[in-house]
């Protein structure tokens, strides 16, 4: 056990509970941060896919327009 000067070097129940609460809070914060990162990544992937799809459609329309004008 970690030293606790108030209780002769023995950790009390309340100090263990406090440590556990702090660990849980840190874990929840890490999970929230991870979720934010995953959401941002997913949004970026969706935006990239949409941009790629739009560019492909524009390129396809341009080629169709060019082919029609050629003849």
PDB file of N, CA and C in Angstrom:
ATOM      1  N   UNK A   1       0.823  -1.181   0.000  1.00  0.00           N
ATOM      2  CA  UNK A   1       0.000   0.000   0.000  1.00  0.00           C
ATOM      3  C   UNK A   1       0.868   1.246   0.000  1.00  0.00           C
ATOM      4  N   UNK A   2       0.347   2.296  -0.567  1.00  0.00           N
ATOM      5  CA  UNK A   2       1.095   3.545  -0.608  1.00  0.00           C
ATOM      6  C   UNK A   2       1.042   4.227   0.758  1.00  0.00           C
ATOM      7  N   UNK A   3       2.088   4.899   1.117  1.00  0.00           N
ATOM      8  CA  UNK A   3       2.109   5.587   2.412  1.00  0.00           C
ATOM      9  C   UNK A   3       1.082   6.706   2.487  1.00  0.00           C
ATOM     10  N   UNK A   4       0.512   6.856   3.649  1.00  0.00           N
ATOM     11  CA  UNK A   4      -0.422   7.939   3.921  1.00  0.00           C
ATOM     12  C   UNK A   4      -0.074   8.451   5.309  1.00  0.00           C
ATOM     13  N   UNK A   5       0.531   9.616   5.384  1.00  0.00           N
ATOM     14  CA  UNK A   5       1.081  10.105   6.649  1.00  0.00           C
ATOM     15  C   UNK A   5       0.021  10.264   7.731  1.00  0.00           C
ATOM     16  N   UNK A   6      -1.211  10.518   7.353  1.00  0.00           N
ATOM     17  CA  UNK A   6      -2.267  10.712   8.349  1.00  0.00           C
ATOM     18  C   UNK A   6      -2.585   9.414   9.075  1.00  0.00           C
ATOM     19  N   UNK A   7      -2.509   8.296   8.403  1.00  0.00           N
ATOM     20  CA  UNK A   7      -2.893   7.014   8.996  1.00  0.00           C
ATOM     21  C   UNK A   7      -1.715   6.055   9.097  1.00  0.00           C
ATOM     22  N   UNK A   8      -0.558   6.555   9.401  1.00  0.00           N
ATOM     23  CA  UNK A   8       0.593   5.702   9.646  1.00  0.00           C
ATOM     24  C   UNK A   8       1.026   4.859   8.468  1.00  0.00           C
ATOM     25  N   UNK A   9       0.895   5.368   7.259  1.00  0.00           N
ATOM     26  CA  UNK A   9       1.380   4.650   6.095  1.00  0.00           C
ATOM     27  C   UNK A   9       0.391   3.670   5.505  1.00  0.00           C
ATOM     28  N   UNK A  10      -0.812   3.584   6.049  1.00  0.00           N
ATOM     29  CA  UNK A  10      -1.813   2.656   5.529  1.00  0.00           C
ATOM     30  C   UNK A  10      -2.879   3.458   4.798  1.00  0.00           C
ATOM     31  N   UNK A  11      -3.190   3.035   3.581  1.00  0.00           N
ATOM     32  CA  UNK A  11      -4.210   3.720   2.807  1.00  0.00           C
ATOM     33  C   UNK A  11      -5.585   3.378   3.361  1.00  0.00           C
ATOM     34  N   UNK A  12      -6.402   4.378   3.560  1.00  0.00           N
ATOM     35  CA  UNK A  12      -7.746   4.151   4.095  1.00  0.00           C
ATOM     36  C   UNK A  12      -8.705   3.818   2.968  1.00  0.00           C
ATOM     37  N   UNK A  13      -9.882   3.363   3.357  1.00  0.00           N
ATOM     38  CA  UNK A  13     -10.914   3.037   2.373  1.00  0.00           C
ATOM     39  C   UNK A  13     -11.272   4.267   1.546  1.00  0.00           C
ATOM     40  N   UNK A  14     -11.417   5.411   2.205  1.00  0.00           N
ATOM     41  CA  UNK A  14     -11.810   6.617   1.477  1.00  0.00           C
ATOM     42  C   UNK A  14     -10.727   7.066   0.502  1.00  0.00           C
ATOM     43  N   UNK A  15      -9.454   6.909   0.870  1.00  0.00           N
ATOM     44  CA  UNK A  15      -8.397   7.304  -0.067  1.00  0.00           C
ATOM     45  C   UNK A  15      -8.310   6.326  -1.232  1.00  0.00           C
ATOM     46  N   UNK A  16      -8.596   5.037  -0.981  1.00  0.00           N
ATOM     47  CA  UNK A  16      -8.641   4.061  -2.083  1.00  0.00           C
ATOM     48  C   UNK A  16      -9.811   4.382  -3.002  1.00  0.00           C
ATOM     49  N   UNK A  17     -10.954   4.724  -2.408  1.00  0.00           N
ATOM     50  CA  UNK A  17     -12.132   5.066  -3.207  1.00  0.00           C
ATOM     51  C   UNK A  17     -11.863   6.305  -4.049  1.00  0.00           C
ATOM     52  N   UNK A  18     -11.189   7.266  -3.445  1.00  0.00           N
ATOM     53  CA  UNK A  18     -10.856   8.494  -4.159  1.00  0.00           C
ATOM     54  C   UNK A  18      -9.921   8.192  -5.331  1.00  0.00           C
ATOM     55  N   UNK A  19      -8.942   7.336  -5.100  1.00  0.00           N
ATOM     56  CA  UNK A  19      -8.018   6.948  -6.175  1.00  0.00           C
ATOM     57  C   UNK A  19      -8.767   6.237  -7.288  1.00  0.00           C
ATOM     58  N   UNK A  20      -9.671   5.357  -6.906  1.00  0.00           N
ATOM     59  CA  UNK A  20     -10.456   4.608  -7.889  1.00  0.00           C
ATOM     60  C   UNK A  20     -11.338   5.557  -8.699  1.00  0.00           C
ATOM     61  N   UNK A  21     -11.961   6.523  -8.005  1.00  0.00           N
ATOM     62  CA  UNK A  21     -12.790   7.508  -8.706  1.00  0.00           C
ATOM     63  C   UNK A  21     -11.947   8.294  -9.702  1.00  0.00           C
ATOM     64  N   UNK A  22     -10.766   8.684  -9.284  1.00  0.00           N
ATOM     65  CA  UNK A  22      -9.871   9.430 -10.180  1.00  0.00           C
ATOM     66  C   UNK A  22      -9.501   8.595 -11.400  1.00  0.00           C
ATOM     67  N   UNK A  23      -9.247   7.315 -11.186  1.00  0.00           N
ATOM     68  CA  UNK A  23      -8.927   6.422 -12.304  1.00  0.00           C
ATOM     69  C   UNK A  23     -10.112   6.303 -13.252  1.00  0.00           C
ATOM     70  N   UNK A  24     -11.314   6.181 -12.691  1.00  0.00           N
ATOM     71  CA  UNK A  24     -12.511   6.061 -13.530  1.00  0.00           C
ATOM     72  C   UNK A  24     -12.761   7.342 -14.322  1.00  0.00           C
ATOM     73  N   UNK A  25     -12.549   8.478 -13.679  1.00  0.00           N
ATOM     74  CA  UNK A  25     -12.719   9.754 -14.375  1.00  0.00           C
ATOM     75  C   UNK A  25     -11.717   9.860 -15.522  1.00  0.00           C
ATOM     76  N   UNK A  26     -10.478   9.502 -15.260  1.00  0.00           N
ATOM     77  CA  UNK A  26      -9.445   9.546 -16.303  1.00  0.00           C
ATOM     78  C   UNK A  26      -9.797   8.598 -17.447  1.00  0.00           C
ATOM     79  N   UNK A  27     -10.312   7.427 -17.112  1.00  0.00           N
ATOM     80  CA  UNK A  27     -10.709   6.458 -18.129  1.00  0.00           C
ATOM     81  C   UNK A  27     -11.857   7.002 -18.977  1.00  0.00           C
ATOM     82  N   UNK A  28     -12.857   7.589 -18.324  1.00  0.00           N
ATOM     83  CA  UNK A  28     -13.994   8.161 -19.062  1.00  0.00           C
ATOM     84  C   UNK A  28     -13.535   9.293 -19.977  1.00  0.00           C
ATOM     85  N   UNK A  29     -12.609  10.113 -19.487  1.00  0.00           N
ATOM     86  CA  UNK A  29     -12.088  11.203 -20.319  1.00  0.00           C
ATOM     87  C   UNK A  29     -11.336  10.654 -21.528  1.00  0.00           C
ATOM     88  N   UNK A  30     -10.564   9.607 -21.319  1.00  0.00           N
ATOM     89  CA  UNK A  30      -9.828   8.989 -22.426  1.00  0.00           C
ATOM     90  C   UNK A  30     -10.794   8.374 -23.437  1.00  0.00           C
ATOM     91  N   UNK A  31     -11.851   7.739 -22.938  1.00  0.00           N
ATOM     92  CA  UNK A  31     -12.854   7.153 -23.835  1.00  0.00           C
ATOM     93  C   UNK A  31     -13.562   8.239 -24.635  1.00  0.00           C
ATOM     94  N   UNK A  32     -13.884   9.353 -23.983  1.00  0.00           N
ATOM     95  CA  UNK A  32     -14.546  10.458 -24.675  1.00  0.00           C
ATOM     96  C   UNK A  32     -13.631  11.040 -25.750  1.00  0.00           C
ATOM     97  N   UNK A  33     -12.370  11.202 -25.434  1.00  0.00           N
ATOM     98  CA  UNK A  33     -11.399  11.723 -26.401  1.00  0.00           C
ATOM     99  C   UNK A  33     -11.257  10.766 -27.584  1.00  0.00           C
ATOM    100  N   UNK A  34     -11.226   9.477 -27.293  1.00  0.00           N
ATOM    101  CA  UNK A  34     -11.133   8.465 -28.345  1.00  0.00           C
ATOM    102  C   UNK A  34     -12.359   8.523 -29.254  1.00  0.00           C
ATOM    103  N   UNK A  35     -13.532   8.677 -28.655  1.00  0.00           N
ATOM    104  CA  UNK A  35     -14.766   8.758 -29.441  1.00  0.00           C
ATOM    105  C   UNK A  35     -14.752   9.994 -30.336  1.00  0.00           C
ATOM    106  N   UNK A  36     -14.253  11.120 -29.827  1.00  0.00           N
ATOM    107  CA  UNK A  36     -14.167  12.337 -30.632  1.00  0.00           C
ATOM    108  C   UNK A  36     -13.228  12.141 -31.810  1.00  0.00           C
ATOM    109  N   UNK A  37     -12.110  11.483 -31.567  1.00  0.00           N
ATOM    110  CA  UNK A  37     -11.137  11.237 -32.639  1.00  0.00           C
ATOM    111  C   UNK A  37     -11.741  10.321 -33.701  1.00  0.00           C
ATOM    112  N   UNK A  38     -12.427   9.260 -33.260  1.00  0.00           N
ATOM    113  CA  UNK A  38     -13.063   8.338 -34.208  1.00  0.00           C
ATOM    114  C   UNK A  38     -14.126   9.051 -35.029  1.00  0.00           C
ATOM    115  N   UNK A  39     -14.921   9.914 -34.385  1.00  0.00           N
ATOM    116  CA  UNK A  39     -15.957  10.656 -35.094  1.00  0.00           C
ATOM    117  C   UNK A  39     -15.330  11.584 -36.134  1.00  0.00           C
ATOM    118  N   UNK A  40     -14.283  12.284 -35.742  1.00  0.00           N
ATOM    119  CA  UNK A  40     -13.600  13.186 -36.671  1.00  0.00           C
ATOM    120  C   UNK A  40     -13.033  12.405 -37.856  1.00  0.00           C
ATOM    121  N   UNK A  41     -12.418  11.256 -37.582  1.00  0.00           N
ATOM    122  CA  UNK A  41     -11.859  10.416 -38.639  1.00  0.00           C
ATOM    123  C   UNK A  41     -12.966   9.958 -39.594  1.00  0.00           C
ATOM    124  N   UNK A  42     -14.091   9.516 -39.029  1.00  0.00           N
ATOM    125  CA  UNK A  42     -15.211   9.051 -39.847  1.00  0.00           C
ATOM    126  C   UNK A  42     -15.739  10.184 -40.718  1.00  0.00           C
ATOM    127  N   UNK A  43     -15.872  11.374 -40.146  1.00  0.00           N
ATOM    128  CA  UNK A  43     -16.352  12.518 -40.917  1.00  0.00           C
ATOM    129  C   UNK A  43     -15.384  12.858 -42.046  1.00  0.00           C
ATOM    130  N   UNK A  44     -14.092  12.793 -41.759  1.00  0.00           N
ATOM    131  CA  UNK A  44     -13.098  13.081 -42.793  1.00  0.00           C
ATOM    132  C   UNK A  44     -13.161  12.043 -43.906  1.00  0.00           C
ATOM    133  N   UNK A  45     -13.375  10.783 -43.535  1.00  0.00           N
ATOM    134  CA  UNK A  45     -13.479   9.722 -44.541  1.00  0.00           C
ATOM    135  C   UNK A  45     -14.708   9.958 -45.422  1.00  0.00           C
ATOM    136  N   UNK A  46     -15.825  10.341 -44.796  1.00  0.00           N
ATOM    137  CA  UNK A  46     -17.045  10.595 -45.563  1.00  0.00           C
ATOM    138  C   UNK A  46     -16.861  11.786 -46.500  1.00  0.00           C
ATOM    139  N   UNK A  47     -16.216  12.837 -46.003  1.00  0.00           N
ATOM    140  CA  UNK A  47     -15.959  14.009 -46.842  1.00  0.00           C
ATOM    141  C   UNK A  47     -15.042  13.653 -48.009  1.00  0.00           C
ATOM    142  N   UNK A  48     -14.032  12.850 -47.741  1.00  0.00           N
ATOM    143  CA  UNK A  48     -13.109  12.441 -48.802  1.00  0.00           C
ATOM    144  C   UNK A  48     -13.836  11.605 -49.851  1.00  0.00           C
ATOM    145  N   UNK A  49     -14.694  10.704 -49.401  1.00  0.00           N
ATOM    146  CA  UNK A  49     -15.448   9.867 -50.335  1.00  0.00           C
ATOM    147  C   UNK A  49     -16.386  10.724 -51.175  1.00  0.00           C
ATOM    148  N   UNK A  50     -17.029  11.690 -50.554  1.00  0.00           N
ATOM    149  CA  UNK A  50     -17.939  12.572 -51.275  1.00  0.00           C
ATOM    150  C   UNK A  50     -17.176  13.422 -52.286  1.00  0.00           C
ATOM    151  N   UNK A  51     -16.031  13.931 -51.888  1.00  0.00           N
ATOM    152  CA  UNK A  51     -15.201  14.727 -52.792  1.00  0.00           C
ATOM    153  C   UNK A  51     -14.748  13.881 -53.979  1.00  0.00           C
ATOM    154  N   UNK A  52     -14.306  12.665 -53.701  1.00  0.00           N
ATOM    155  CA  UNK A  52     -13.866  11.757 -54.761  1.00  0.00           C
ATOM    156  C   UNK A  52     -15.019  11.456 -55.714  1.00  0.00           C
ATOM    157  N   UNK A  53     -16.201  11.191 -55.145  1.00  0.00           N
ATOM    158  CA  UNK A  53     -17.380  10.881 -55.958  1.00  0.00           C
ATOM    159  C   UNK A  53     -17.757  12.079 -56.817  1.00  0.00           C
ATOM    160  N   UNK A  54     -17.742  13.262 -56.238  1.00  0.00           N
ATOM    161  CA  UNK A  54     -18.093  14.480 -56.966  1.00  0.00           C
ATOM    162  C   UNK A  54     -17.098  14.746 -58.086  1.00  0.00           C
ATOM    163  N   UNK A  55     -15.812  14.612 -57.806  1.00  0.00           N
ATOM    164  CA  UNK A  55     -14.797  14.831 -58.841  1.00  0.00           C
ATOM    165  C   UNK A  55     -14.951  13.822 -59.966  1.00  0.00           C
ATOM    166  N   UNK A  56     -15.261  12.590 -59.625  1.00  0.00           N
ATOM    167  CA  UNK A  56     -15.465  11.563 -60.641  1.00  0.00           C
ATOM    168  C   UNK A  56     -16.651  11.877 -61.526  1.00  0.00           C
ATOM    169  N   UNK A  57     -17.728  12.368 -60.901  1.00  0.00           N
ATOM    170  CA  UNK A  57     -18.933  12.709 -61.657  1.00  0.00           C
ATOM    171  C   UNK A  57     -18.653  13.903 -62.567  1.00  0.00           C
ATOM    172  N   UNK A  58     -17.958  14.900 -62.063  1.00  0.00           N
ATOM    173  CA  UNK A  58     -17.629  16.077 -62.877  1.00  0.00           C
ATOM    174  C   UNK A  58     -16.742  15.672 -64.046  1.00  0.00           C
ATOM    175  N   UNK A  59     -15.754  14.832 -63.783  1.00  0.00           N
ATOM    176  CA  UNK A  59     -14.852  14.374 -64.839  1.00  0.00           C
ATOM    177  C   UNK A  59     -15.641  13.591 -65.895  1.00  0.00           C
ATOM    178  N   UNK A  60     -16.556  12.737 -65.444  1.00  0.00           N
ATOM    179  CA  UNK A  60     -17.368  11.939 -66.357  1.00  0.00           C
ATOM    180  C   UNK A  60     -18.252  12.839 -67.218  1.00  0.00           C
ATOM    181  N   UNK A  61     -18.861  13.844 -66.588  1.00  0.00           N
ATOM    182  CA  UNK A  61     -19.715  14.772 -67.332  1.00  0.00           C
ATOM    183  C   UNK A  61     -18.888  15.578 -68.329  1.00  0.00           C
ATOM    184  N   UNK A  62     -17.685  15.949 -67.938  1.00  0.00           N
ATOM    185  CA  UNK A  62     -16.810  16.708 -68.837  1.00  0.00           C
ATOM    186  C   UNK A  62     -16.435  15.871 -70.049  1.00  0.00           C
ATOM    187  N   UNK A  63     -16.120  14.607 -69.829  1.00  0.00           N
ATOM    188  CA  UNK A  63     -15.767  13.722 -70.937  1.00  0.00           C
ATOM    189  C   UNK A  63     -16.958  13.508 -71.857  1.00  0.00           C
ATOM    190  N   UNK A  64     -18.153  13.369 -71.294  1.00  0.00           N
ATOM    191  CA  UNK A  64     -19.359  13.196 -72.113  1.00  0.00           C
ATOM    192  C   UNK A  64     -19.599  14.434 -72.954  1.00  0.00           C
ATOM    193  N   UNK A  65     -19.432  15.581 -72.348  1.00  0.00           N
ATOM    194  CA  UNK A  65     -19.624  16.844 -73.047  1.00  0.00           C
ATOM    195  C   UNK A  65     -18.596  16.991 -74.165  1.00  0.00           C
ATOM    196  N   UNK A  66     -17.359  16.636 -73.881  1.00  0.00           N
ATOM    197  CA  UNK A  66     -16.288  16.726 -74.862  1.00  0.00           C
ATOM    198  C   UNK A  66     -16.557  15.784 -76.035  1.00  0.00           C
ATOM    199  N   UNK A  67     -16.999  14.553 -75.737  1.00  0.00           N
ATOM    200  CA  UNK A  67     -17.270  13.572 -76.788  1.00  0.00           C
ATOM    201  C   UNK A  67     -18.402  14.033 -77.682  1.00  0.00           C
ATOM    202  N   UNK A  68     -19.430  14.622 -77.097  1.00  0.00           N
ATOM    203  CA  UNK A  68     -20.573  15.081 -77.880  1.00  0.00           C
ATOM    204  C   UNK A  68     -20.169  16.226 -78.805  1.00  0.00           C
ATOM    205  N   UNK A  69     -19.276  17.076 -78.353  1.00  0.00           N
ATOM    206  CA  UNK A  69     -18.840  18.211 -79.167  1.00  0.00           C
ATOM    207  C   UNK A  69     -17.898  17.774 -80.289  1.00  0.00           C
ATOM    208  N   UNK A  70     -17.237  16.656 -80.105  1.00  0.00           N
ATOM    209  CA  UNK A  70     -16.257  16.194 -81.086  1.00  0.00           C
ATOM    210  C   UNK A  70     -16.908  15.728 -82.372  1.00  0.00           C
ATOM    211  N   UNK A  71     -18.154  15.289 -82.253  1.00  0.00           N
ATOM    212  CA  UNK A  71     -18.784  14.720 -83.450  1.00  0.00           C
ATOM    213  C   UNK A  71     -19.721  15.639 -84.083  1.00  0.00           C
TER     214      UNK A  71
END
